[in-house]
Amino acid sequence: MSSYSSSTVQNTDLCQCGLVPVLKTSWTDNNPGRRNKRKGCGYYRWHDPPVEGRSKNIIPDLLRKIEMLEEEIKELKRKEQKDAMWLRVVIAVVLLILGLALLR
């Protein structure tokens, strides 16, 4: 799971080199969903207050659950595609056998 997502900051904050910092979202267990502003020159500032209390425990668990469910969905889609392919093969074989039987 990625620890950060980002977007451009939409305010007038500038880093030490005069550029607009990037707004990133932390998805670490210690700061789930907490945004910060950063730039390659070393500029770093938290945009949101610290994540506290129950949220600090619940958010990482929910993110892991979402990731697990997304993987389960991918696996079920792969299985569905495989089953559909076998169904087409069986139908083709049955039609072939019926066609040969009708020719006799």
PDB file of N, CA and C in Angstrom:
ATOM      1  N   MET A   1       0.850  -1.163   0.000  1.00  0.00           N
ATOM      2  CA  MET A   1       0.000   0.000   0.000  1.00  0.00           C
ATOM      3  C   MET A   1       0.896   1.228   0.000  1.00  0.00           C
ATOM      4  N   SER A   2       0.587   2.206  -0.841  1.00  0.00           N
ATOM      5  CA  SER A   2       1.350   3.442  -0.898  1.00  0.00           C
ATOM      6  C   SER A   2       1.163   4.232   0.387  1.00  0.00           C
ATOM      7  N   SER A   3       2.236   4.883   0.826  1.00  0.00           N
ATOM      8  CA  SER A   3       2.165   5.644   2.067  1.00  0.00           C
ATOM      9  C   SER A   3       1.725   7.080   1.855  1.00  0.00           C
ATOM     10  N   TYR A   4       1.764   7.576   0.615  1.00  0.00           N
ATOM     11  CA  TYR A   4       1.417   8.964   0.356  1.00  0.00           C
ATOM     12  C   TYR A   4       0.688   9.107  -0.970  1.00  0.00           C
ATOM     13  N   SER A   5      -0.216  10.092  -1.031  1.00  0.00           N
ATOM     14  CA  SER A   5      -0.785  10.551  -2.286  1.00  0.00           C
ATOM     15  C   SER A   5      -0.561  12.052  -2.318  1.00  0.00           C
ATOM     16  N   SER A   6      -0.626  12.672  -3.505  1.00  0.00           N
ATOM     17  CA  SER A   6      -0.266  14.084  -3.555  1.00  0.00           C
ATOM     18  C   SER A   6      -1.123  14.891  -4.512  1.00  0.00           C
ATOM     19  N   SER A   7      -1.081  16.214  -4.335  1.00  0.00           N
ATOM     20  CA  SER A   7      -1.689  17.182  -5.237  1.00  0.00           C
ATOM     21  C   SER A   7      -0.977  18.507  -5.017  1.00  0.00           C
ATOM     22  N   THR A   8      -1.193  19.458  -5.920  1.00  0.00           N
ATOM     23  CA  THR A   8      -0.566  20.766  -5.761  1.00  0.00           C
ATOM     24  C   THR A   8      -1.333  21.575  -4.736  1.00  0.00           C
ATOM     25  N   VAL A   9      -0.616  22.274  -3.872  1.00  0.00           N
ATOM     26  CA  VAL A   9      -1.235  23.095  -2.833  1.00  0.00           C
ATOM     27  C   VAL A   9      -1.899  24.296  -3.493  1.00  0.00           C
ATOM     28  N   GLN A  10      -3.126  24.606  -3.103  1.00  0.00           N
ATOM     29  CA  GLN A  10      -3.885  25.687  -3.714  1.00  0.00           C
ATOM     30  C   GLN A  10      -3.860  26.965  -2.881  1.00  0.00           C
ATOM     31  N   ASN A  11      -2.776  27.230  -2.182  1.00  0.00           N
ATOM     32  CA  ASN A  11      -2.683  28.478  -1.439  1.00  0.00           C
ATOM     33  C   ASN A  11      -1.349  29.137  -1.737  1.00  0.00           C
ATOM     34  N   THR A  12      -1.014  30.170  -1.001  1.00  0.00           N
ATOM     35  CA  THR A  12       0.177  30.955  -1.317  1.00  0.00           C
ATOM     36  C   THR A  12       1.423  30.496  -0.582  1.00  0.00           C
ATOM     37  N   ASP A  13       1.401  29.360   0.115  1.00  0.00           N
ATOM     38  CA  ASP A  13       2.605  28.861   0.781  1.00  0.00           C
ATOM     39  C   ASP A  13       3.697  28.621  -0.254  1.00  0.00           C
ATOM     40  N   LEU A  14       4.892  29.073   0.051  1.00  0.00           N
ATOM     41  CA  LEU A  14       6.034  28.816  -0.817  1.00  0.00           C
ATOM     42  C   LEU A  14       7.126  28.155   0.013  1.00  0.00           C
ATOM     43  N   CYS A  15       7.892  27.280  -0.624  1.00  0.00           N
ATOM     44  CA  CYS A  15       9.009  26.657   0.080  1.00  0.00           C
ATOM     45  C   CYS A  15      10.198  27.616   0.059  1.00  0.00           C
ATOM     46  N   GLN A  16      11.332  27.183   0.615  1.00  0.00           N
ATOM     47  CA  GLN A  16      12.515  28.038   0.686  1.00  0.00           C
ATOM     48  C   GLN A  16      13.035  28.436  -0.692  1.00  0.00           C
ATOM     49  N   CYS A  17      12.801  27.614  -1.700  1.00  0.00           N
ATOM     50  CA  CYS A  17      13.299  27.925  -3.041  1.00  0.00           C
ATOM     51  C   CYS A  17      12.275  28.710  -3.863  1.00  0.00           C
ATOM     52  N   GLY A  18      11.160  29.119  -3.242  1.00  0.00           N
ATOM     53  CA  GLY A  18      10.179  29.961  -3.915  1.00  0.00           C
ATOM     54  C   GLY A  18       9.140  29.221  -4.728  1.00  0.00           C
ATOM     55  N   LEU A  19       9.090  27.922  -4.628  1.00  0.00           N
ATOM     56  CA  LEU A  19       8.119  27.127  -5.378  1.00  0.00           C
ATOM     57  C   LEU A  19       6.932  26.761  -4.498  1.00  0.00           C
ATOM     58  N   VAL A  20       5.826  26.448  -5.137  1.00  0.00           N
ATOM     59  CA  VAL A  20       4.633  26.020  -4.403  1.00  0.00           C
ATOM     60  C   VAL A  20       4.834  24.566  -3.981  1.00  0.00           C
ATOM     61  N   PRO A  21       4.712  24.262  -2.694  1.00  0.00           N
ATOM     62  CA  PRO A  21       4.901  22.880  -2.247  1.00  0.00           C
ATOM     63  C   PRO A  21       3.743  21.982  -2.683  1.00  0.00           C
ATOM     64  N   VAL A  22       3.999  20.707  -2.645  1.00  0.00           N
ATOM     65  CA  VAL A  22       2.999  19.705  -3.009  1.00  0.00           C
ATOM     66  C   VAL A  22       2.293  19.249  -1.738  1.00  0.00           C
ATOM     67  N   LEU A  23       0.968  19.147  -1.817  1.00  0.00           N
ATOM     68  CA  LEU A  23       0.185  18.651  -0.687  1.00  0.00           C
ATOM     69  C   LEU A  23       0.120  17.133  -0.799  1.00  0.00           C
ATOM     70  N   LYS A  24       0.635  16.449   0.199  1.00  0.00           N
ATOM     71  CA  LYS A  24       0.642  14.981   0.206  1.00  0.00           C
ATOM     72  C   LYS A  24      -0.201  14.487   1.364  1.00  0.00           C
ATOM     73  N   THR A  25      -0.743  13.304   1.202  1.00  0.00           N
ATOM     74  CA  THR A  25      -1.524  12.681   2.262  1.00  0.00           C
ATOM     75  C   THR A  25      -0.777  11.460   2.758  1.00  0.00           C
ATOM     76  N   SER A  26      -0.526  11.431   4.043  1.00  0.00           N
ATOM     77  CA  SER A  26       0.157  10.301   4.661  1.00  0.00           C
ATOM     78  C   SER A  26      -0.853   9.182   4.907  1.00  0.00           C
ATOM     79  N   TRP A  27      -0.466   7.968   4.559  1.00  0.00           N
ATOM     80  CA  TRP A  27      -1.310   6.802   4.857  1.00  0.00           C
ATOM     81  C   TRP A  27      -0.549   5.829   5.741  1.00  0.00           C
ATOM     82  N   THR A  28       0.400   6.351   6.523  1.00  0.00           N
ATOM     83  CA  THR A  28       1.136   5.506   7.463  1.00  0.00           C
ATOM     84  C   THR A  28       0.256   5.225   8.678  1.00  0.00           C
ATOM     85  N   ASP A  29       0.610   4.218   9.448  1.00  0.00           N
ATOM     86  CA  ASP A  29      -0.170   3.896  10.646  1.00  0.00           C
ATOM     87  C   ASP A  29      -0.153   5.031  11.669  1.00  0.00           C
ATOM     88  N   ASN A  30       0.934   5.790  11.738  1.00  0.00           N
ATOM     89  CA  ASN A  30       1.024   6.879  12.716  1.00  0.00           C
ATOM     90  C   ASN A  30       0.267   8.137  12.307  1.00  0.00           C
ATOM     91  N   ASN A  31       0.087   8.365  11.007  1.00  0.00           N
ATOM     92  CA  ASN A  31      -0.576   9.582  10.523  1.00  0.00           C
ATOM     93  C   ASN A  31      -1.545   9.266   9.383  1.00  0.00           C
ATOM     94  N   PRO A  32      -2.510   8.396   9.600  1.00  0.00           N
ATOM     95  CA  PRO A  32      -3.406   8.011   8.507  1.00  0.00           C
ATOM     96  C   PRO A  32      -4.297   9.168   8.063  1.00  0.00           C
ATOM     97  N   GLY A  33      -4.211   9.508   6.773  1.00  0.00           N
ATOM     98  CA  GLY A  33      -5.059  10.553   6.216  1.00  0.00           C
ATOM     99  C   GLY A  33      -4.614  11.965   6.541  1.00  0.00           C
ATOM    100  N   ARG A  34      -3.507  12.118   7.219  1.00  0.00           N
ATOM    101  CA  ARG A  34      -3.019  13.453   7.604  1.00  0.00           C
ATOM    102  C   ARG A  34      -2.208  14.053   6.450  1.00  0.00           C
ATOM    103  N   ARG A  35      -2.568  15.288   6.071  1.00  0.00           N
ATOM    104  CA  ARG A  35      -1.915  15.932   4.937  1.00  0.00           C
ATOM    105  C   ARG A  35      -0.734  16.797   5.385  1.00  0.00           C
ATOM    106  N   ASN A  36       0.268  16.866   4.498  1.00  0.00           N
ATOM    107  CA  ASN A  36       1.428  17.719   4.748  1.00  0.00           C
ATOM    108  C   ASN A  36       1.863  18.364   3.448  1.00  0.00           C
ATOM    109  N   LYS A  37       2.574  19.474   3.580  1.00  0.00           N
ATOM    110  CA  LYS A  37       3.097  20.189   2.414  1.00  0.00           C
ATOM    111  C   LYS A  37       4.593  19.936   2.368  1.00  0.00           C
ATOM    112  N   ARG A  38       5.114  19.610   1.174  1.00  0.00           N
ATOM    113  CA  ARG A  38       6.532  19.311   1.062  1.00  0.00           C
ATOM    114  C   ARG A  38       7.058  19.665  -0.316  1.00  0.00           C
ATOM    115  N   LYS A  39       8.355  19.825  -0.367  1.00  0.00           N
ATOM    116  CA  LYS A  39       9.054  20.093  -1.618  1.00  0.00           C
ATOM    117  C   LYS A  39      10.440  19.483  -1.509  1.00  0.00           C
ATOM    118  N   GLY A  40      11.079  19.230  -2.627  1.00  0.00           N
ATOM    119  CA  GLY A  40      12.391  18.580  -2.654  1.00  0.00           C
ATOM    120  C   GLY A  40      13.499  19.352  -1.961  1.00  0.00           C
ATOM    121  N   CYS A  41      13.315  20.665  -1.748  1.00  0.00           N
ATOM    122  CA  CYS A  41      14.357  21.481  -1.109  1.00  0.00           C
ATOM    123  C   CYS A  41      14.418  21.258   0.398  1.00  0.00           C
ATOM    124  N   GLY A  42      13.552  20.410   0.931  1.00  0.00           N
ATOM    125  CA  GLY A  42      13.543  20.141   2.363  1.00  0.00           C
ATOM    126  C   GLY A  42      12.380  20.787   3.091  1.00  0.00           C
ATOM    127  N   TYR A  43      11.589  21.571   2.374  1.00  0.00           N
ATOM    128  CA  TYR A  43      10.419  22.204   2.986  1.00  0.00           C
ATOM    129  C   TYR A  43       9.440  21.114   3.396  1.00  0.00           C
ATOM    130  N   TYR A  44       8.955  21.188   4.630  1.00  0.00           N
ATOM    131  CA  TYR A  44       8.002  20.193   5.133  1.00  0.00           C
ATOM    132  C   TYR A  44       7.185  20.848   6.238  1.00  0.00           C
ATOM    133  N   ARG A  45       5.871  20.805   6.094  1.00  0.00           N
ATOM    134  CA  ARG A  45       5.002  21.382   7.116  1.00  0.00           C
ATOM    135  C   ARG A  45       3.685  20.593   7.117  1.00  0.00           C
ATOM    136  N   TRP A  46       3.211  20.255   8.306  1.00  0.00           N
ATOM    137  CA  TRP A  46       1.924  19.567   8.409  1.00  0.00           C
ATOM    138  C   TRP A  46       0.804  20.536   8.056  1.00  0.00           C
ATOM    139  N   HIS A  47      -0.147  20.079   7.273  1.00  0.00           N
ATOM    140  CA  HIS A  47      -1.308  20.870   6.870  1.00  0.00           C
ATOM    141  C   HIS A  47      -2.481  20.607   7.821  1.00  0.00           C
ATOM    142  N   ASP A  48      -2.568  19.399   8.322  1.00  0.00           N
ATOM    143  CA  ASP A  48      -3.660  18.988   9.213  1.00  0.00           C
ATOM    144  C   ASP A  48      -3.134  18.777  10.632  1.00  0.00           C
ATOM    145  N   PRO A  49      -4.041  18.860  11.620  1.00  0.00           N
ATOM    146  CA  PRO A  49      -3.629  18.549  12.990  1.00  0.00           C
ATOM    147  C   PRO A  49      -3.328  17.049  13.115  1.00  0.00           C
ATOM    148  N   PRO A  50      -2.622  16.655  14.169  1.00  0.00           N
ATOM    149  CA  PRO A  50      -2.305  15.231  14.357  1.00  0.00           C
ATOM    150  C   PRO A  50      -3.569  14.364  14.442  1.00  0.00           C
ATOM    151  N   VAL A  51      -3.442  13.148  13.947  1.00  0.00           N
ATOM    152  CA  VAL A  51      -4.529  12.174  14.056  1.00  0.00           C
ATOM    153  C   VAL A  51      -4.463  11.607  15.468  1.00  0.00           C
ATOM    154  N   GLU A  52      -5.571  11.660  16.168  1.00  0.00           N
ATOM    155  CA  GLU A  52      -5.560  11.227  17.564  1.00  0.00           C
ATOM    156  C   GLU A  52      -6.671  10.228  17.840  1.00  0.00           C
ATOM    157  N   GLY A  53      -6.565   9.636  19.010  1.00  0.00           N
ATOM    158  CA  GLY A  53      -7.621   8.790  19.532  1.00  0.00           C
ATOM    159  C   GLY A  53      -7.912   7.570  18.693  1.00  0.00           C
ATOM    160  N   ARG A  54      -9.173   7.263  18.649  1.00  0.00           N
ATOM    161  CA  ARG A  54      -9.650   6.038  18.008  1.00  0.00           C
ATOM    162  C   ARG A  54      -9.354   6.013  16.508  1.00  0.00           C
ATOM    163  N   SER A  55      -9.391   7.194  15.867  1.00  0.00           N
ATOM    164  CA  SER A  55      -9.134   7.273  14.424  1.00  0.00           C
ATOM    165  C   SER A  55      -7.767   6.720  14.062  1.00  0.00           C
ATOM    166  N   LYS A  56      -6.793   6.951  14.919  1.00  0.00           N
ATOM    167  CA  LYS A  56      -5.428   6.497  14.649  1.00  0.00           C
ATOM    168  C   LYS A  56      -5.361   4.974  14.568  1.00  0.00           C
ATOM    169  N   ASN A  57      -6.251   4.291  15.267  1.00  0.00           N
ATOM    170  CA  ASN A  57      -6.285   2.824  15.230  1.00  0.00           C
ATOM    171  C   ASN A  57      -7.224   2.301  14.155  1.00  0.00           C
ATOM    172  N   ILE A  58      -8.346   2.972  13.961  1.00  0.00           N
ATOM    173  CA  ILE A  58      -9.368   2.470  13.047  1.00  0.00           C
ATOM    174  C   ILE A  58      -8.992   2.662  11.584  1.00  0.00           C
ATOM    175  N   ILE A  59      -8.481   3.843  11.219  1.00  0.00           N
ATOM    176  CA  ILE A  59      -8.207   4.139   9.811  1.00  0.00           C
ATOM    177  C   ILE A  59      -7.237   3.136   9.186  1.00  0.00           C
ATOM    178  N   PRO A  60      -6.085   2.831   9.800  1.00  0.00           N
ATOM    179  CA  PRO A  60      -5.197   1.835   9.180  1.00  0.00           C
ATOM    180  C   PRO A  60      -5.859   0.467   9.015  1.00  0.00           C
ATOM    181  N   ASP A  61      -6.657   0.054   9.992  1.00  0.00           N
ATOM    182  CA  ASP A  61      -7.360  -1.230   9.878  1.00  0.00           C
ATOM    183  C   ASP A  61      -8.351  -1.210   8.721  1.00  0.00           C
ATOM    184  N   LEU A  62      -9.066  -0.101   8.563  1.00  0.00           N
ATOM    185  CA  LEU A  62     -10.019   0.017   7.456  1.00  0.00           C
ATOM    186  C   LEU A  62      -9.301   0.012   6.107  1.00  0.00           C
ATOM    187  N   LEU A  63      -8.169   0.683   6.027  1.00  0.00           N
ATOM    188  CA  LEU A  63      -7.398   0.694   4.780  1.00  0.00           C
ATOM    189  C   LEU A  63      -6.915  -0.706   4.423  1.00  0.00           C
ATOM    190  N   ARG A  64      -6.451  -1.463   5.418  1.00  0.00           N
ATOM    191  CA  ARG A  64      -6.023  -2.844   5.159  1.00  0.00           C
ATOM    192  C   ARG A  64      -7.202  -3.706   4.713  1.00  0.00           C
ATOM    193  N   LYS A  65      -8.366  -3.495   5.326  1.00  0.00           N
ATOM    194  CA  LYS A  65      -9.566  -4.253   4.955  1.00  0.00           C
ATOM    195  C   LYS A  65      -9.962  -3.940   3.512  1.00  0.00           C
ATOM    196  N   ILE A  66      -9.914  -2.658   3.133  1.00  0.00           N
ATOM    197  CA  ILE A  66     -10.236  -2.268   1.756  1.00  0.00           C
ATOM    198  C   ILE A  66      -9.276  -2.938   0.785  1.00  0.00           C
ATOM    199  N   GLU A  67      -7.987  -2.905   1.105  1.00  0.00           N
ATOM    200  CA  GLU A  67      -6.984  -3.525   0.240  1.00  0.00           C
ATOM    201  C   GLU A  67      -7.243  -5.026   0.094  1.00  0.00           C
ATOM    202  N   MET A  68      -7.581  -5.689   1.205  1.00  0.00           N
ATOM    203  CA  MET A  68      -7.861  -7.120   1.178  1.00  0.00           C
ATOM    204  C   MET A  68      -9.093  -7.415   0.309  1.00  0.00           C
ATOM    205  N   LEU A  69     -10.141  -6.603   0.454  1.00  0.00           N
ATOM    206  CA  LEU A  69     -11.360  -6.805  -0.330  1.00  0.00           C
ATOM    207  C   LEU A  69     -11.123  -6.535  -1.813  1.00  0.00           C
ATOM    208  N   GLU A  70     -10.293  -5.541  -2.130  1.00  0.00           N
ATOM    209  CA  GLU A  70      -9.972  -5.271  -3.529  1.00  0.00           C
ATOM    210  C   GLU A  70      -9.223  -6.440  -4.149  1.00  0.00           C
ATOM    211  N   GLU A  71      -8.314  -7.050  -3.398  1.00  0.00           N
ATOM    212  CA  GLU A  71      -7.606  -8.234  -3.887  1.00  0.00           C
ATOM    213  C   GLU A  71      -8.576  -9.397  -4.089  1.00  0.00           C
ATOM    214  N   GLU A  72      -9.521  -9.547  -3.175  1.00  0.00           N
ATOM    215  CA  GLU A  72     -10.523 -10.608  -3.301  1.00  0.00           C
ATOM    216  C   GLU A  72     -11.372 -10.397  -4.555  1.00  0.00           C
ATOM    217  N   ILE A  73     -11.736  -9.160  -4.837  1.00  0.00           N
ATOM    218  CA  ILE A  73     -12.511  -8.847  -6.042  1.00  0.00           C
ATOM    219  C   ILE A  73     -11.717  -9.215  -7.287  1.00  0.00           C
ATOM    220  N   LYS A  74     -10.419  -8.865  -7.323  1.00  0.00           N
ATOM    221  CA  LYS A  74      -9.574  -9.210  -8.470  1.00  0.00           C
ATOM    222  C   LYS A  74      -9.528 -10.718  -8.675  1.00  0.00           C
ATOM    223  N   GLU A  75      -9.362 -11.458  -7.581  1.00  0.00           N
ATOM    224  CA  GLU A  75      -9.290 -12.919  -7.671  1.00  0.00           C
ATOM    225  C   GLU A  75     -10.614 -13.495  -8.174  1.00  0.00           C
ATOM    226  N   LEU A  76     -11.728 -12.978  -7.683  1.00  0.00           N
ATOM    227  CA  LEU A  76     -13.038 -13.460  -8.134  1.00  0.00           C
ATOM    228  C   LEU A  76     -13.268 -13.148  -9.609  1.00  0.00           C
ATOM    229  N   LYS A  77     -12.802 -11.992 -10.072  1.00  0.00           N
ATOM    230  CA  LYS A  77     -12.930 -11.655 -11.498  1.00  0.00           C
ATOM    231  C   LYS A  77     -12.096 -12.596 -12.354  1.00  0.00           C
ATOM    232  N   ARG A  78     -10.877 -12.929 -11.883  1.00  0.00           N
ATOM    233  CA  ARG A  78     -10.043 -13.895 -12.620  1.00  0.00           C
ATOM    234  C   ARG A  78     -10.735 -15.253 -12.695  1.00  0.00           C
ATOM    235  N   LYS A  79     -11.318 -15.679 -11.574  1.00  0.00           N
ATOM    236  CA  LYS A  79     -12.023 -16.965 -11.545  1.00  0.00           C
ATOM    237  C   LYS A  79     -13.232 -16.934 -12.475  1.00  0.00           C
ATOM    238  N   GLU A  80     -13.958 -15.828 -12.475  1.00  0.00           N
ATOM    239  CA  GLU A  80     -15.129 -15.694 -13.342  1.00  0.00           C
ATOM    240  C   GLU A  80     -14.722 -15.779 -14.815  1.00  0.00           C
ATOM    241  N   GLN A  81     -13.615 -15.137 -15.189  1.00  0.00           N
ATOM    242  CA  GLN A  81     -13.144 -15.198 -16.573  1.00  0.00           C
ATOM    243  C   GLN A  81     -12.736 -16.619 -16.950  1.00  0.00           C
ATOM    244  N   LYS A  82     -12.074 -17.301 -16.032  1.00  0.00           N
ATOM    245  CA  LYS A  82     -11.657 -18.680 -16.288  1.00  0.00           C
ATOM    246  C   LYS A  82     -12.883 -19.581 -16.446  1.00  0.00           C
ATOM    247  N   ASP A  83     -13.867 -19.422 -15.561  1.00  0.00           N
ATOM    248  CA  ASP A  83     -15.091 -20.226 -15.647  1.00  0.00           C
ATOM    249  C   ASP A  83     -15.843 -19.951 -16.951  1.00  0.00           C
ATOM    250  N   ALA A  84     -15.887 -18.693 -17.372  1.00  0.00           N
ATOM    251  CA  ALA A  84     -16.575 -18.338 -18.618  1.00  0.00           C
ATOM    252  C   ALA A  84     -15.867 -18.968 -19.816  1.00  0.00           C
ATOM    253  N   MET A  85     -14.545 -19.007 -19.778  1.00  0.00           N
ATOM    254  CA  MET A  85     -13.795 -19.626 -20.864  1.00  0.00           C
ATOM    255  C   MET A  85     -14.106 -21.123 -20.945  1.00  0.00           C
ATOM    256  N   TRP A  86     -14.131 -21.799 -19.804  1.00  0.00           N
ATOM    257  CA  TRP A  86     -14.444 -23.229 -19.800  1.00  0.00           C
ATOM    258  C   TRP A  86     -15.879 -23.485 -20.259  1.00  0.00           C
ATOM    259  N   LEU A  87     -16.800 -22.619 -19.889  1.00  0.00           N
ATOM    260  CA  LEU A  87     -18.181 -22.760 -20.342  1.00  0.00           C
ATOM    261  C   LEU A  87     -18.251 -22.661 -21.866  1.00  0.00           C
ATOM    262  N   ARG A  88     -17.510 -21.717 -22.453  1.00  0.00           N
ATOM    263  CA  ARG A  88     -17.492 -21.596 -23.921  1.00  0.00           C
ATOM    264  C   ARG A  88     -16.908 -22.851 -24.568  1.00  0.00           C
ATOM    265  N   VAL A  89     -15.868 -23.414 -23.953  1.00  0.00           N
ATOM    266  CA  VAL A  89     -15.260 -24.637 -24.489  1.00  0.00           C
ATOM    267  C   VAL A  89     -16.267 -25.786 -24.445  1.00  0.00           C
ATOM    268  N   VAL A  90     -16.959 -25.945 -23.330  1.00  0.00           N
ATOM    269  CA  VAL A  90     -17.948 -27.024 -23.193  1.00  0.00           C
ATOM    270  C   VAL A  90     -19.068 -26.843 -24.210  1.00  0.00           C
ATOM    271  N   ILE A  91     -19.571 -25.631 -24.364  1.00  0.00           N
ATOM    272  CA  ILE A  91     -20.644 -25.369 -25.332  1.00  0.00           C
ATOM    273  C   ILE A  91     -20.165 -25.684 -26.746  1.00  0.00           C
ATOM    274  N   ALA A  92     -18.936 -25.293 -27.074  1.00  0.00           N
ATOM    275  CA  ALA A  92     -18.398 -25.570 -28.406  1.00  0.00           C
ATOM    276  C   ALA A  92     -18.295 -27.071 -28.650  1.00  0.00           C
ATOM    277  N   VAL A  93     -17.839 -27.824 -27.652  1.00  0.00           N
ATOM    278  CA  VAL A  93     -17.711 -29.280 -27.800  1.00  0.00           C
ATOM    279  C   VAL A  93     -19.089 -29.914 -27.963  1.00  0.00           C
ATOM    280  N   VAL A  94     -20.064 -29.490 -27.165  1.00  0.00           N
ATOM    281  CA  VAL A  94     -21.425 -30.036 -27.266  1.00  0.00           C
ATOM    282  C   VAL A  94     -22.007 -29.737 -28.645  1.00  0.00           C
ATOM    283  N   LEU A  95     -21.838 -28.510 -29.124  1.00  0.00           N
ATOM    284  CA  LEU A  95     -22.353 -28.159 -30.455  1.00  0.00           C
ATOM    285  C   LEU A  95     -21.656 -28.963 -31.545  1.00  0.00           C
ATOM    286  N   LEU A  96     -20.367 -29.199 -31.386  1.00  0.00           N
ATOM    287  CA  LEU A  96     -19.631 -30.006 -32.353  1.00  0.00           C
ATOM    288  C   LEU A  96     -20.159 -31.435 -32.371  1.00  0.00           C
ATOM    289  N   ILE A  97     -20.373 -32.007 -31.199  1.00  0.00           N
ATOM    290  CA  ILE A  97     -20.892 -33.378 -31.110  1.00  0.00           C
ATOM    291  C   ILE A  97     -22.291 -33.453 -31.708  1.00  0.00           C
ATOM    292  N   LEU A  98     -23.146 -32.474 -31.387  1.00  0.00           N
ATOM    293  CA  LEU A  98     -24.500 -32.458 -31.953  1.00  0.00           C
ATOM    294  C   LEU A  98     -24.464 -32.296 -33.465  1.00  0.00           C
ATOM    295  N   GLY A  99     -23.572 -31.452 -33.953  1.00  0.00           N
ATOM    296  CA  GLY A  99     -23.440 -31.261 -35.403  1.00  0.00           C
ATOM    297  C   GLY A  99     -23.002 -32.533 -36.098  1.00  0.00           C
ATOM    298  N   LEU A 100     -22.045 -33.240 -35.508  1.00  0.00           N
ATOM    299  CA  LEU A 100     -21.586 -34.505 -36.090  1.00  0.00           C
ATOM    300  C   LEU A 100     -22.689 -35.557 -36.043  1.00  0.00           C
ATOM    301  N   ALA A 101     -23.483 -35.560 -34.975  1.00  0.00           N
ATOM    302  CA  ALA A 101     -24.573 -36.533 -34.848  1.00  0.00           C
ATOM    303  C   ALA A 101     -25.646 -36.272 -35.899  1.00  0.00           C
ATOM    304  N   LEU A 102     -25.896 -35.020 -36.204  1.00  0.00           N
ATOM    305  CA  LEU A 102     -26.911 -34.682 -37.207  1.00  0.00           C
ATOM    306  C   LEU A 102     -26.454 -35.037 -38.616  1.00  0.00           C
ATOM    307  N   LEU A 103     -25.163 -35.060 -38.864  1.00  0.00           N
ATOM    308  CA  LEU A 103     -24.631 -35.389 -40.185  1.00  0.00           C
ATOM    309  C   LEU A 103     -24.708 -36.881 -40.486  1.00  0.00           C
ATOM    310  N   ARG A 104     -24.906 -37.717 -39.515  1.00  0.00           N
ATOM    311  CA  ARG A 104     -24.938 -39.170 -39.719  1.00  0.00           C
ATOM    312  C   ARG A 104     -26.224 -39.622 -40.253  1.00  0.00           C
TER     313      ARG A 104
END
